[in-house]
Amino acid sequence: MSAVSDDAPDVRSSRRSFLRALALTGLAGGGIGAAMVEDVLPGGPRLRRALGLTGPDGAVPAVAAGPVQNLQLRSAARGRAVQLIVMSPPGAEKSASLPVCVALHGRGAGARTMVELGLPQFLAAAVTAGAAPFRIVAVDGGDATYWHGRTPGDDPLAMLLDELPGRLGAQGLPAPTAALGISMGGSGALRYARALHGKLDAVAVLSPALFRSWADARTVDGFRDEADWREHEPLLHPDGPLAARLGVWCGTEDPFCPAARGLADRASEAHFPRGAHTDGFWRRVLPEAMAFLGGRVPDAP
């Protein structure tokens, strides 16, 4: 059963700030402003974004990160050499057989972006807090590929499926058993899980870029045509297995939130707090996502 939450930090304080702002603009008459902030009337998420009522930004944990190794993967599927970054928890020996989680970046980003977001520190903090140790592997998937073969000769999904396991094996590492995806990478993680027929242990998606209609999808130019979108849109394939556990995090002020809620019934955990499509939101929820991916070490009897 899904565990869905709409927890919003300091809602009462935010509501007071919101109503003061509305009073200055003359929009609070008749309680319309308060209704909009509580999602009773249309336009609430857009108005909250404009007023900055999207919850606090998260921060990178002030902990020492574990080793970060920069590699290359010469990808025939992508027609180029791509960057591959291996992030390990502190104290992990290179030869230690730890599970691997592949991390898929968003549009306009790359493998290095996941390091800049703070994944090495979030991983270290999660393991210190009791999550089972694992490694994170980030790899370049292209600017607007939406992690599939959008352009002939460039297929990042084929790279993940056919080439990444062998490259990791050459480093003495196992194939991924989990996936983390953000924005475009969130929808990519769902495509990857579907292609593996539910064999992954866990998938965590943050603000997944999902599209409920072709009219929405065509605006990002991430698909060749409507048929390509229909073949690869996770929301259009609700019956196929994804993973043993699926976790979803998306802010209520994120334009993708209505679509992300469509995953709630399939998720082990689904969280929709106040938040926008920003690094600050992702840093706020990454501690939960890391704990979800690693699992918790049972308390000693």
Protein backbone atom coordinates (compact mmCIF):
# COMPACT_ATOMS: atom_id res chain seq x y z
CA MET A 1 0.00 0.00 0.00
CA SER A 2 1.25 3.48 -0.80
CA ALA A 3 2.25 5.83 1.98
CA VAL A 4 1.30 9.29 0.72
CA SER A 5 2.07 12.45 2.66
CA ASP A 6 1.43 16.15 2.06
CA ASP A 7 3.58 17.42 4.91
CA ALA A 8 4.30 21.18 4.67
CA PRO A 9 6.84 22.81 7.01
CA ASP A 10 5.65 25.80 9.03
CA VAL A 11 2.41 26.14 7.10
CA ARG A 12 0.91 28.60 9.58
CA SER A 13 3.86 30.99 9.27
CA SER A 14 3.76 30.71 5.48
CA ARG A 15 0.02 31.38 5.47
CA ARG A 16 0.51 34.57 7.48
CA SER A 17 3.19 35.79 5.07
CA PHE A 18 0.96 34.89 2.15
CA LEU A 19 -2.06 36.80 3.48
CA ARG A 20 0.06 39.86 4.27
CA ALA A 21 1.31 39.84 0.67
CA LEU A 22 -2.22 39.49 -0.63
CA ALA A 23 -3.41 42.34 1.53
CA LEU A 24 -0.88 44.62 -0.16
CA THR A 25 -2.17 43.62 -3.59
CA GLY A 26 -5.85 43.74 -2.71
CA LEU A 27 -6.39 40.05 -3.52
CA ALA A 28 -7.42 38.86 -0.09
CA GLY A 29 -10.97 40.13 -0.15
CA GLY A 30 -13.61 37.47 0.41
CA GLY A 31 -11.01 34.89 1.46
CA ILE A 32 -10.08 34.14 -2.16
CA GLY A 33 -6.35 34.35 -1.43
CA ALA A 34 -6.55 31.90 1.47
CA ALA A 35 -8.57 29.49 -0.65
CA MET A 36 -5.97 29.60 -3.40
CA VAL A 37 -3.08 28.88 -1.07
CA GLU A 38 -4.98 25.83 0.24
CA ASP A 39 -5.58 24.55 -3.31
CA VAL A 40 -9.36 25.03 -3.08
CA LEU A 41 -9.33 27.26 -6.17
CA PRO A 42 -7.23 26.92 -9.34
CA GLY A 43 -3.98 28.87 -9.49
CA GLY A 44 -2.76 28.14 -5.97
CA PRO A 45 0.57 26.49 -6.91
CA ARG A 46 1.38 29.24 -9.42
CA LEU A 47 0.57 31.98 -6.92
CA ARG A 48 2.61 30.30 -4.18
CA ARG A 49 5.59 30.08 -6.53
CA ALA A 50 5.26 33.80 -7.28
CA LEU A 51 5.19 34.60 -3.56
CA GLY A 52 8.00 32.22 -2.64
CA LEU A 53 5.79 29.99 -0.49
CA THR A 54 7.44 26.76 -1.60
CA GLY A 55 9.07 25.59 1.61
CA PRO A 56 12.69 25.96 2.76
CA ASP A 57 15.70 25.01 0.69
CA GLY A 58 17.68 22.00 1.78
CA ALA A 59 21.44 22.10 2.31
CA VAL A 60 24.30 19.76 1.54
CA PRO A 61 25.20 17.90 4.78
CA ALA A 62 28.30 19.19 6.54
CA VAL A 63 29.99 15.77 6.54
CA ALA A 64 33.09 14.37 4.90
CA ALA A 65 32.24 12.65 1.63
CA GLY A 66 33.64 9.31 0.62
CA PRO A 67 35.79 8.68 -2.47
CA VAL A 68 34.62 10.09 -5.81
CA GLN A 69 36.15 8.44 -8.87
CA ASN A 70 35.97 9.97 -12.36
CA LEU A 71 35.92 7.49 -15.24
CA GLN A 72 34.94 7.37 -18.91
CA LEU A 73 32.60 5.07 -20.74
CA ARG A 74 33.17 4.81 -24.49
CA SER A 75 29.57 4.37 -25.53
CA ALA A 76 28.69 2.98 -28.94
CA ALA A 77 25.01 3.47 -28.07
CA ARG A 78 25.58 7.21 -27.58
CA GLY A 79 28.25 7.53 -30.26
CA ARG A 80 30.74 9.21 -27.91
CA ALA A 81 32.78 8.90 -24.75
CA VAL A 82 30.75 9.93 -21.71
CA GLN A 83 31.68 10.78 -18.15
CA LEU A 84 31.00 8.18 -15.46
CA ILE A 85 31.40 9.07 -11.78
CA VAL A 86 31.50 6.53 -8.96
CA MET A 87 30.62 7.82 -5.47
CA SER A 88 31.39 5.55 -2.52
CA PRO A 89 30.52 5.94 1.17
CA PRO A 90 33.35 6.82 3.57
CA GLY A 91 35.47 3.88 4.62
CA ALA A 92 34.43 1.67 1.70
CA GLU A 93 37.32 -0.29 0.23
CA LYS A 94 37.58 -0.22 -3.54
CA SER A 95 37.15 -3.99 -3.62
CA ALA A 96 34.17 -3.97 -1.26
CA SER A 97 31.16 -5.58 -2.90
CA LEU A 98 28.52 -2.93 -2.32
CA PRO A 99 25.24 -2.55 -4.22
CA VAL A 100 25.21 0.09 -6.96
CA CYS A 101 22.54 2.74 -7.53
CA VAL A 102 22.64 4.50 -10.90
CA ALA A 103 21.83 8.23 -10.70
CA LEU A 104 20.21 9.87 -13.72
CA HIS A 105 20.49 13.64 -14.10
CA GLY A 106 17.98 16.16 -15.39
CA ARG A 107 17.76 18.17 -18.60
CA GLY A 108 20.71 20.41 -19.35
CA ALA A 109 22.82 18.65 -16.73
CA GLY A 110 25.34 15.80 -16.60
CA ALA A 111 27.02 13.32 -14.29
CA ARG A 112 29.06 16.11 -12.66
CA THR A 113 25.82 17.91 -11.75
CA MET A 114 24.93 15.07 -9.37
CA VAL A 115 28.20 15.62 -7.50
CA GLU A 116 27.59 19.38 -7.38
CA LEU A 117 24.13 18.71 -5.96
CA GLY A 118 25.85 17.01 -3.02
CA LEU A 119 25.19 13.29 -3.61
CA PRO A 120 28.54 12.21 -2.11
CA GLN A 121 27.73 14.05 1.14
CA PHE A 122 24.10 12.90 1.20
CA LEU A 123 25.31 9.32 0.74
CA ALA A 124 27.83 9.68 3.58
CA ALA A 125 25.20 11.18 5.89
CA ALA A 126 22.68 8.44 5.08
CA VAL A 127 25.14 5.65 5.83
CA THR A 128 26.18 7.36 9.07
CA ALA A 129 22.49 7.59 10.02
CA GLY A 130 21.96 3.84 9.53
CA ALA A 131 21.31 3.22 5.84
CA ALA A 132 23.01 0.13 4.43
CA PRO A 133 26.13 1.19 2.46
CA PHE A 134 25.87 1.40 -1.31
CA ARG A 135 27.59 3.16 -4.19
CA ILE A 136 26.14 5.77 -6.53
CA VAL A 137 27.14 5.82 -10.19
CA ALA A 138 26.27 8.87 -12.28
CA VAL A 139 26.66 8.88 -16.05
CA ASP A 140 26.06 11.45 -18.80
CA GLY A 141 22.77 10.89 -20.58
CA GLY A 142 22.62 13.94 -22.84
CA ASP A 143 20.97 17.34 -22.69
CA ALA A 144 17.35 16.63 -23.68
CA THR A 145 17.31 12.93 -24.54
CA TYR A 146 14.80 12.05 -21.83
CA TRP A 147 16.99 8.97 -21.41
CA HIS A 148 15.91 7.18 -24.58
CA GLY A 149 16.77 7.15 -28.29
CA ARG A 150 15.39 10.58 -29.16
CA THR A 151 18.00 11.11 -31.89
CA PRO A 152 19.37 8.43 -34.25
CA GLY A 153 22.77 7.24 -33.05
CA ASP A 154 22.25 8.47 -29.49
CA ASP A 155 20.42 6.07 -27.17
CA PRO A 156 21.22 6.59 -23.46
CA LEU A 157 18.77 3.88 -22.40
CA ALA A 158 20.66 1.31 -24.49
CA MET A 159 23.86 2.60 -22.89
CA LEU A 160 22.45 1.91 -19.42
CA LEU A 161 21.17 -1.53 -20.32
CA ASP A 162 23.90 -2.86 -22.61
CA GLU A 163 27.12 -1.01 -21.78
CA LEU A 164 27.09 0.26 -18.21
CA PRO A 165 27.14 -3.20 -16.52
CA GLY A 166 30.25 -4.22 -18.47
CA ARG A 167 32.05 -0.96 -17.70
CA LEU A 168 31.27 -1.33 -14.00
CA GLY A 169 32.37 -4.96 -14.11
CA ALA A 170 35.75 -3.84 -15.45
CA GLN A 171 36.08 -1.82 -12.23
CA GLY A 172 35.10 -4.79 -10.10
CA LEU A 173 31.64 -3.36 -9.44
CA PRO A 174 28.27 -5.13 -9.86
CA ALA A 175 25.48 -4.04 -12.16
CA PRO A 176 23.05 -1.51 -10.67
CA THR A 177 20.25 -2.83 -8.48
CA ALA A 178 18.69 0.57 -7.77
CA ALA A 179 18.09 3.87 -9.54
CA LEU A 180 17.74 7.51 -8.52
CA GLY A 181 16.43 10.05 -11.00
CA ILE A 182 15.77 13.79 -10.87
CA SER A 183 13.42 15.62 -13.27
CA MET A 184 14.23 14.25 -16.76
CA GLY A 185 16.28 11.63 -14.92
CA GLY A 186 13.23 10.72 -12.84
CA SER A 187 11.25 9.73 -15.90
CA GLY A 188 14.44 8.09 -17.22
CA ALA A 189 14.75 5.99 -14.07
CA LEU A 190 11.19 4.76 -14.59
CA ARG A 191 11.97 3.86 -18.22
CA TYR A 192 15.11 2.05 -17.11
CA ALA A 193 13.20 0.12 -14.44
CA ARG A 194 10.48 -0.84 -16.90
CA ALA A 195 13.08 -2.06 -19.41
CA LEU A 196 14.54 -4.30 -16.68
CA HIS A 197 11.09 -5.80 -16.06
CA GLY A 198 10.93 -4.91 -12.38
CA LYS A 199 14.28 -6.48 -11.42
CA LEU A 200 15.56 -3.42 -9.54
CA ASP A 201 15.36 -3.48 -5.76
CA ALA A 202 14.49 0.20 -5.41
CA VAL A 203 13.79 3.27 -7.54
CA ALA A 204 13.58 6.82 -6.14
CA VAL A 205 12.34 9.63 -8.37
CA LEU A 206 12.43 13.33 -7.49
CA SER A 207 10.22 15.72 -9.47
CA PRO A 208 9.92 13.24 -12.36
CA ALA A 209 9.33 14.86 -15.76
CA LEU A 210 6.12 13.07 -16.72
CA PHE A 211 3.56 14.17 -19.29
CA ARG A 212 -0.14 13.39 -19.15
CA SER A 213 -0.76 14.40 -22.76
CA TRP A 214 1.09 14.71 -26.04
CA ALA A 215 0.25 18.42 -26.03
CA ASP A 216 2.34 18.77 -22.86
CA ALA A 217 5.12 16.44 -23.99
CA ARG A 218 5.69 18.08 -27.36
CA THR A 219 6.62 21.39 -25.69
CA VAL A 220 9.94 19.97 -24.40
CA ASP A 221 11.04 18.51 -27.76
CA GLY A 222 12.18 15.37 -25.97
CA PHE A 223 10.41 12.89 -28.26
CA ARG A 224 10.52 12.30 -31.99
CA ASP A 225 6.75 12.31 -32.33
CA GLU A 226 3.59 11.25 -30.52
CA ALA A 227 4.24 7.56 -31.15
CA ASP A 228 7.69 7.87 -29.56
CA TRP A 229 6.16 9.57 -26.51
CA ARG A 230 3.46 6.95 -26.18
CA GLU A 231 6.03 4.17 -26.30
CA HIS A 232 8.21 5.69 -23.57
CA GLU A 233 5.89 7.69 -21.30
CA PRO A 234 5.80 5.86 -17.91
CA LEU A 235 2.28 7.06 -17.12
CA LEU A 236 0.95 5.26 -20.20
CA HIS A 237 2.29 1.88 -19.03
CA PRO A 238 0.78 1.43 -15.56
CA ASP A 239 0.69 -2.37 -15.56
CA GLY A 240 4.32 -3.26 -16.17
CA PRO A 241 6.56 -3.95 -13.15
CA LEU A 242 8.97 -1.20 -12.09
CA ALA A 243 10.87 -2.24 -8.95
CA ALA A 244 10.43 -4.01 -5.66
CA ARG A 245 10.09 -0.57 -4.04
CA LEU A 246 9.25 2.78 -5.64
CA GLY A 247 9.65 6.12 -3.86
CA VAL A 248 8.28 9.40 -5.25
CA TRP A 249 9.01 12.96 -4.09
CA CYS A 250 7.55 16.03 -5.83
CA GLY A 251 6.71 19.51 -4.58
CA THR A 252 3.15 20.80 -4.78
CA GLU A 253 4.38 23.96 -6.56
CA ASP A 254 6.20 21.90 -9.19
CA PRO A 255 4.46 21.91 -12.60
CA PHE A 256 5.06 18.14 -12.75
CA CYS A 257 3.25 17.47 -9.47
CA PRO A 258 -0.19 16.57 -10.92
CA ALA A 259 1.48 14.00 -13.19
CA ALA A 260 3.73 12.69 -10.40
CA ARG A 261 0.68 12.02 -8.24
CA GLY A 262 -0.28 9.47 -10.87
CA LEU A 263 2.52 7.26 -9.52
CA ALA A 264 1.27 7.30 -5.93
CA ASP A 265 -0.79 4.12 -6.19
CA ARG A 266 2.27 2.21 -7.42
CA ALA A 267 4.69 3.63 -4.86
CA SER A 268 5.88 2.23 -1.55
CA GLU A 269 6.36 5.85 -0.48
CA ALA A 270 4.97 9.00 -2.11
CA HIS A 271 5.60 12.47 -0.67
CA PHE A 272 4.16 15.75 -1.93
CA PRO A 273 5.30 18.55 0.38
CA ARG A 274 5.46 22.23 -0.47
CA GLY A 275 8.25 22.69 -3.00
CA ALA A 276 9.21 23.80 -6.49
CA HIS A 277 11.36 22.33 -9.28
CA THR A 278 14.66 23.47 -7.76
CA ASP A 279 17.96 22.28 -6.34
CA GLY A 280 16.78 23.56 -2.96
CA PHE A 281 13.80 21.20 -2.98
CA TRP A 282 15.89 18.23 -4.11
CA ARG A 283 18.44 18.87 -1.38
CA ARG A 284 15.61 19.00 1.15
CA VAL A 285 14.22 15.58 0.23
CA LEU A 286 17.47 13.78 -0.68
CA PRO A 287 18.02 12.57 2.91
CA GLU A 288 14.70 10.71 2.71
CA ALA A 289 15.48 9.38 -0.77
CA MET A 290 18.93 8.15 0.32
CA ALA A 291 17.49 6.39 3.34
CA PHE A 292 14.86 4.82 1.09
CA LEU A 293 17.47 3.56 -1.38
CA GLY A 294 19.80 2.21 1.28
CA GLY A 295 17.19 0.88 3.65
CA ARG A 296 17.66 1.05 7.39
CA VAL A 297 19.95 -1.12 9.46
CA PRO A 298 17.67 -2.87 12.01
CA ASP A 299 17.98 -1.68 15.59
CA ALA A 300 20.00 -4.02 17.80
CA PRO A 301 17.79 -6.19 20.03
